[in-house]
Protein backbone atom coordinates (compact mmCIF):
# COMPACT_ATOMS: atom_id res chain seq x y z
CA MET A 1 6.29 -19.92 4.34
CA CYS A 2 3.41 -18.38 5.16
CA LYS A 3 0.70 -19.69 3.30
CA ASN A 4 -2.76 -18.79 2.96
CA PHE A 5 -2.39 -14.70 4.87
CA THR A 6 -3.79 -11.93 3.03
CA ALA A 7 -2.39 -8.42 2.96
CA ALA A 8 -5.04 -6.26 1.99
CA PHE A 9 -3.98 -2.26 0.84
CA VAL A 10 -5.73 0.30 0.91
CA TYR A 11 -5.18 3.69 -0.44
CA ALA A 12 -6.55 6.85 -2.45
CA HIS A 13 -5.10 6.76 -5.17
CA PRO A 14 -3.57 4.42 -8.47
CA ASP A 15 0.20 4.46 -7.61
CA ASP A 16 0.10 5.15 -4.06
CA GLU A 17 0.82 0.87 -3.82
CA THR A 18 4.00 0.96 -6.27
CA PHE A 19 5.06 4.17 -4.99
CA GLY A 20 5.45 3.47 -0.55
CA CYS A 21 5.12 -1.12 -0.67
CA SER A 22 6.49 -2.40 -3.62
CA TYR A 23 9.10 -4.28 -1.46
CA LEU A 24 6.42 -5.13 1.14
CA ILE A 25 4.02 -6.68 -1.75
CA GLN A 26 7.21 -8.62 -2.77
CA ASP A 27 7.98 -9.86 0.69
CA ILE A 28 4.51 -10.96 1.51
CA THR A 29 4.03 -12.81 -2.27
CA ASP A 30 7.40 -14.54 -1.98
CA ARG A 31 6.55 -15.79 1.39
CA GLY A 32 3.32 -17.67 -0.21
CA GLY A 33 0.70 -14.53 1.05
CA GLN A 34 -1.17 -13.20 -0.75
CA ALA A 35 -1.80 -8.72 -1.49
CA VAL A 36 -4.94 -7.53 -2.73
CA LEU A 37 -5.45 -3.25 -3.18
CA LEU A 38 -8.30 -1.80 -3.03
CA THR A 39 -8.41 2.28 -4.52
CA ALA A 40 -10.85 4.82 -3.10
CA THR A 41 -10.23 6.61 -6.98
CA ARG A 42 -9.24 6.42 -10.40
CA GLY A 43 -6.65 9.27 -10.48
CA GLU A 44 -8.52 11.47 -12.75
CA ALA A 45 -7.29 14.26 -11.19
CA GLY A 46 -4.36 13.97 -11.60
CA LYS A 47 -1.12 15.00 -14.39
CA THR A 48 -0.42 13.30 -18.02
CA GLY A 49 3.01 13.48 -17.26
CA ARG A 50 4.79 13.07 -21.11
CA LEU A 51 1.00 11.35 -22.31
CA GLY A 52 -0.42 15.41 -23.57
CA GLU A 53 -3.44 16.62 -22.78
CA MET A 54 -6.07 14.62 -21.85
CA SER A 55 -9.77 15.49 -20.50
CA ARG A 56 -10.37 12.82 -16.82
CA GLU A 57 -12.20 10.51 -18.46
CA GLU A 58 -9.21 9.34 -20.68
CA LEU A 59 -7.03 10.30 -18.06
CA ALA A 60 -9.38 7.55 -15.69
CA ALA A 61 -8.99 5.01 -18.32
CA ARG A 62 -5.36 5.47 -18.67
CA ARG A 63 -4.96 4.81 -15.33
CA ASP A 64 -7.09 2.16 -14.95
CA GLN A 65 -4.47 0.43 -18.04
CA GLU A 66 -1.80 1.59 -15.41
CA LEU A 67 -2.92 0.07 -12.63
CA GLU A 68 -3.76 -3.33 -13.80
CA GLN A 69 -0.65 -3.71 -15.60
CA ALA A 70 1.55 -2.32 -12.74
CA ALA A 71 -0.61 -4.66 -10.16
CA ASN A 72 0.36 -7.47 -12.54
CA VAL A 73 4.18 -6.60 -12.18
CA LEU A 74 3.75 -6.47 -7.97
CA GLY A 75 1.91 -10.33 -7.97
CA ILE A 76 -0.52 -8.09 -7.32
CA SER A 77 -4.09 -11.40 -7.00
CA ALA A 78 -7.31 -8.60 -7.14
CA VAL A 79 -7.75 -4.83 -7.39
CA LYS A 80 -10.82 -3.05 -6.73
CA GLN A 81 -11.26 0.74 -7.54
CA LEU A 82 -14.36 3.03 -5.77
CA ASP A 83 -14.28 5.59 -8.14
CA LEU A 84 -15.48 8.24 -5.92
CA GLY A 85 -13.77 11.04 -6.87
CA ASP A 86 -9.68 12.01 -7.36
CA GLY A 87 -9.26 15.30 -5.03
CA LYS A 88 -13.06 15.07 -3.72
CA LEU A 89 -12.54 11.93 -0.98
CA LYS A 90 -13.52 14.44 1.86
CA ASP A 91 -16.44 15.39 0.47
CA ALA A 92 -17.62 11.46 0.18
CA ASP A 93 -20.29 9.85 2.52
CA PRO A 94 -18.27 9.06 4.84
CA GLU A 95 -20.44 5.71 6.58
CA ARG A 96 -20.04 4.97 2.32
CA LEU A 97 -16.86 4.97 2.42
CA GLN A 98 -16.39 2.65 5.45
CA GLN A 99 -18.63 0.41 4.11
CA GLU A 100 -16.94 -0.62 1.01
CA ILE A 101 -13.53 -0.87 2.52
CA ALA A 102 -15.25 -3.20 5.61
CA ASP A 103 -16.67 -5.18 2.46
CA PHE A 104 -13.27 -5.81 0.73
CA LEU A 105 -11.37 -6.55 4.22
CA ASN A 106 -14.53 -9.12 5.06
CA LEU A 107 -14.61 -10.66 1.53
CA HIS A 108 -10.93 -11.05 0.91
CA GLN A 109 -10.50 -12.08 4.87
CA ALA A 110 -7.73 -10.06 5.09
CA ASP A 111 -5.79 -10.74 7.71
CA ILE A 112 -3.05 -7.95 7.75
CA VAL A 113 -3.93 -4.01 6.37
CA VAL A 114 -2.10 -1.76 5.14
CA THR A 115 -2.22 2.28 5.25
CA PHE A 116 -1.33 5.72 5.16
CA PRO A 117 -0.50 7.64 8.50
CA GLU A 118 -2.52 10.36 10.19
CA ASP A 119 -0.81 12.86 7.67
CA GLY A 120 -1.09 10.95 4.46
CA ILE A 121 2.69 10.81 4.16
CA SER A 122 2.35 13.80 2.00
CA GLY A 123 -0.37 16.09 3.53
CA HIS A 124 -2.50 14.91 0.45
CA GLN A 125 -6.41 15.32 2.08
CA ASP A 126 -7.56 12.09 -0.07
CA HIS A 127 -4.55 10.27 2.03
CA ILE A 128 -5.84 11.53 4.77
CA VAL A 129 -9.68 10.41 4.76
CA ILE A 130 -8.32 7.13 3.92
CA HIS A 131 -5.86 6.95 7.29
CA HIS A 132 -9.36 7.99 9.11
CA ALA A 133 -11.85 5.71 7.17
CA VAL A 134 -9.52 2.70 7.32
CA ASN A 135 -9.23 3.48 11.11
CA SER A 136 -12.51 3.73 11.78
CA VAL A 137 -13.36 -0.04 10.57
CA ILE A 138 -10.27 -1.92 12.23
CA TYR A 139 -10.67 -0.27 15.63
CA GLY A 140 -14.71 -0.15 15.31
CA GLY A 141 -14.36 -3.89 14.52
CA LYS A 142 -16.07 -3.91 11.00
CA ALA A 143 -13.06 -6.47 9.86
CA SER A 144 -13.26 -9.08 12.10
CA SER A 145 -10.66 -10.63 10.10
CA VAL A 146 -7.78 -8.35 10.17
CA GLN A 147 -5.37 -9.38 12.88
CA LYS A 148 -2.49 -6.39 12.57
CA LEU A 149 -2.55 -2.98 10.94
CA TYR A 150 -0.19 -1.08 9.59
CA TYR A 151 0.84 2.14 8.10
CA ASN A 152 4.05 3.60 6.26
CA HIS A 153 6.50 4.96 7.60
CA LEU A 154 8.72 7.88 6.48
CA GLY A 155 12.49 7.88 7.98
CA SER A 156 15.68 8.31 7.30
CA PRO A 157 16.20 5.26 4.56
CA LEU A 158 20.34 5.25 6.16
CA SER A 159 19.92 5.41 9.81
CA ASP A 160 20.18 2.39 12.00
CA MET A 161 16.77 0.78 12.83
CA SER A 162 18.35 -1.70 15.21
CA GLY A 163 15.98 -2.15 18.33
CA MET A 164 13.37 -0.23 17.29
CA SER A 165 10.12 -2.89 17.83
CA GLY A 166 7.02 -0.79 16.66
CA LEU A 167 8.95 -0.47 12.80
CA LEU A 168 9.44 -2.84 10.39
CA ARG A 169 11.95 -2.57 7.94
CA ILE A 170 11.64 -4.05 4.35
CA ASP A 171 15.21 -4.92 2.06
CA GLY A 172 14.70 -3.78 -1.64
CA GLU A 173 17.72 -5.67 -2.41
CA GLY A 174 16.82 -8.44 -5.36
CA LYS A 175 13.73 -5.90 -5.29
CA TRP A 176 14.52 -2.55 -7.15
CA ASP A 177 13.69 -4.14 -10.82
CA ILE A 178 10.19 -4.96 -9.87
CA LYS A 179 9.80 -1.88 -8.00
CA ARG A 180 10.97 -0.28 -10.99
CA ARG A 181 8.94 -1.74 -14.15
CA ALA A 182 5.86 -1.19 -11.48
CA LEU A 183 6.32 2.59 -11.48
CA GLU A 184 7.07 2.48 -15.18
CA ALA A 185 3.79 0.93 -15.56
CA HIS A 186 2.10 4.74 -13.99
CA GLU A 187 3.50 6.61 -17.02
CA SER A 188 1.05 9.08 -17.16
CA GLN A 189 2.47 10.05 -13.83
CA MET A 190 6.02 9.52 -14.29
CA PHE A 191 6.30 13.66 -13.71
CA SER A 192 5.79 12.48 -9.81
CA VAL A 193 7.54 9.18 -9.91
CA GLU A 194 10.75 11.07 -11.27
CA ARG A 195 10.38 13.77 -8.75
CA VAL A 196 10.31 11.43 -5.96
CA PHE A 197 12.52 8.58 -7.54
CA GLY A 198 14.72 9.95 -10.21
CA GLN A 199 15.75 8.62 -13.26
CA LEU A 200 14.56 4.74 -13.22
CA GLY A 201 17.77 3.21 -13.53
CA PRO A 202 18.34 -0.83 -13.50
CA ASN A 203 21.07 -0.03 -10.52
CA MET A 204 18.79 0.60 -6.71
CA LEU A 205 20.45 3.77 -5.40
CA PRO A 206 21.04 3.70 -1.70
CA GLN A 207 18.56 5.83 -0.51
CA TYR A 208 15.39 3.63 -2.01
CA ARG A 209 16.81 0.34 -0.25
CA TYR A 210 14.15 0.15 2.06
CA GLU A 211 10.09 0.83 2.73
CA THR A 212 9.11 1.02 6.34
CA PHE A 213 6.31 0.58 7.80
CA GLU A 214 4.56 1.00 12.07
CA LEU A 215 2.71 -1.41 13.04
CA VAL A 216 0.14 0.27 15.40
CA TRP A 217 -2.65 -1.94 16.16
CA GLU A 218 -2.64 -5.99 16.89
CA ARG A 219 -5.83 -7.92 17.54
CA HIS A 220 -3.65 -10.00 19.84
CA PRO A 221 -0.49 -7.77 20.72
CA SER A 222 2.50 -9.99 22.61
CA ALA A 223 5.62 -8.62 23.44
CA LYS A 224 8.04 -8.09 20.64
CA SER A 225 11.98 -7.35 21.49
CA MET A 226 13.16 -7.59 18.26
CA PRO A 227 12.16 -5.89 15.16
CA GLU A 228 9.33 -7.91 13.38
CA LYS A 229 10.87 -9.90 10.24
CA SER A 230 8.02 -10.10 8.43
CA VAL A 231 3.78 -8.62 7.99
CA PHE A 232 3.27 -12.01 9.42
CA ASP A 233 5.16 -12.32 12.70
CA GLY A 234 2.33 -13.61 15.35
CA LEU A 235 -0.17 -13.91 13.43
CA GLU A 236 -2.33 -16.76 14.32
CA ALA A 237 -4.54 -19.89 12.75
CA GLY A 238 -2.50 -21.50 10.52
CA GLU A 239 0.84 -19.78 10.73
CA ASP A 240 3.38 -22.07 8.99
CA LEU A 241 6.90 -19.67 9.81
CA ASN A 242 9.51 -22.59 8.75
């Protein structure tokens, strides 16, 4: 078990954590770690799915509730939302955004950070802004507790990754039910959910079996001959891998 370690997930919108990190969050909590989430917006510019028309204020309030429910399903211990404007992060004060991220990481003494890659996965401008803000915090030394930084990684979900030491693949076997329930919690975004995952059912389809992450930075890098088994691999101070 790996106790007393904290992984911080830093994203732009409610549901980003569920789409890409549900298995990883479960793996962290199963190993005795803690997962915390920072979301830069409340998602008020999104669609409303089958819920009908809503004002931006109504949708923001609804998505607050959905995120709280999803976080409870996933086992996320703390959630903070910055309300910086969905679709408007490029106009946010970059110094403020970076300071908010640094303050969150320092408050929780995060050991690990997980966020978007450079292209934001989908090319969404808000995602890309978060990527650069997180990089500025980590590479700028503004969060001294952080030991490792990961990006979401997209690749063929069924491809052989053996020997690819820079990538961590989390197997969703036994974890799909929780991911499905967390996705269902984001009810207002169900059209987007179904576009990615299809109709949600009780059985995990092969193409949804894995989540993959790329280790892009380590405070104390070490030579690795095998792919990581956990984000906790190689952490210093209080490490317990028994």
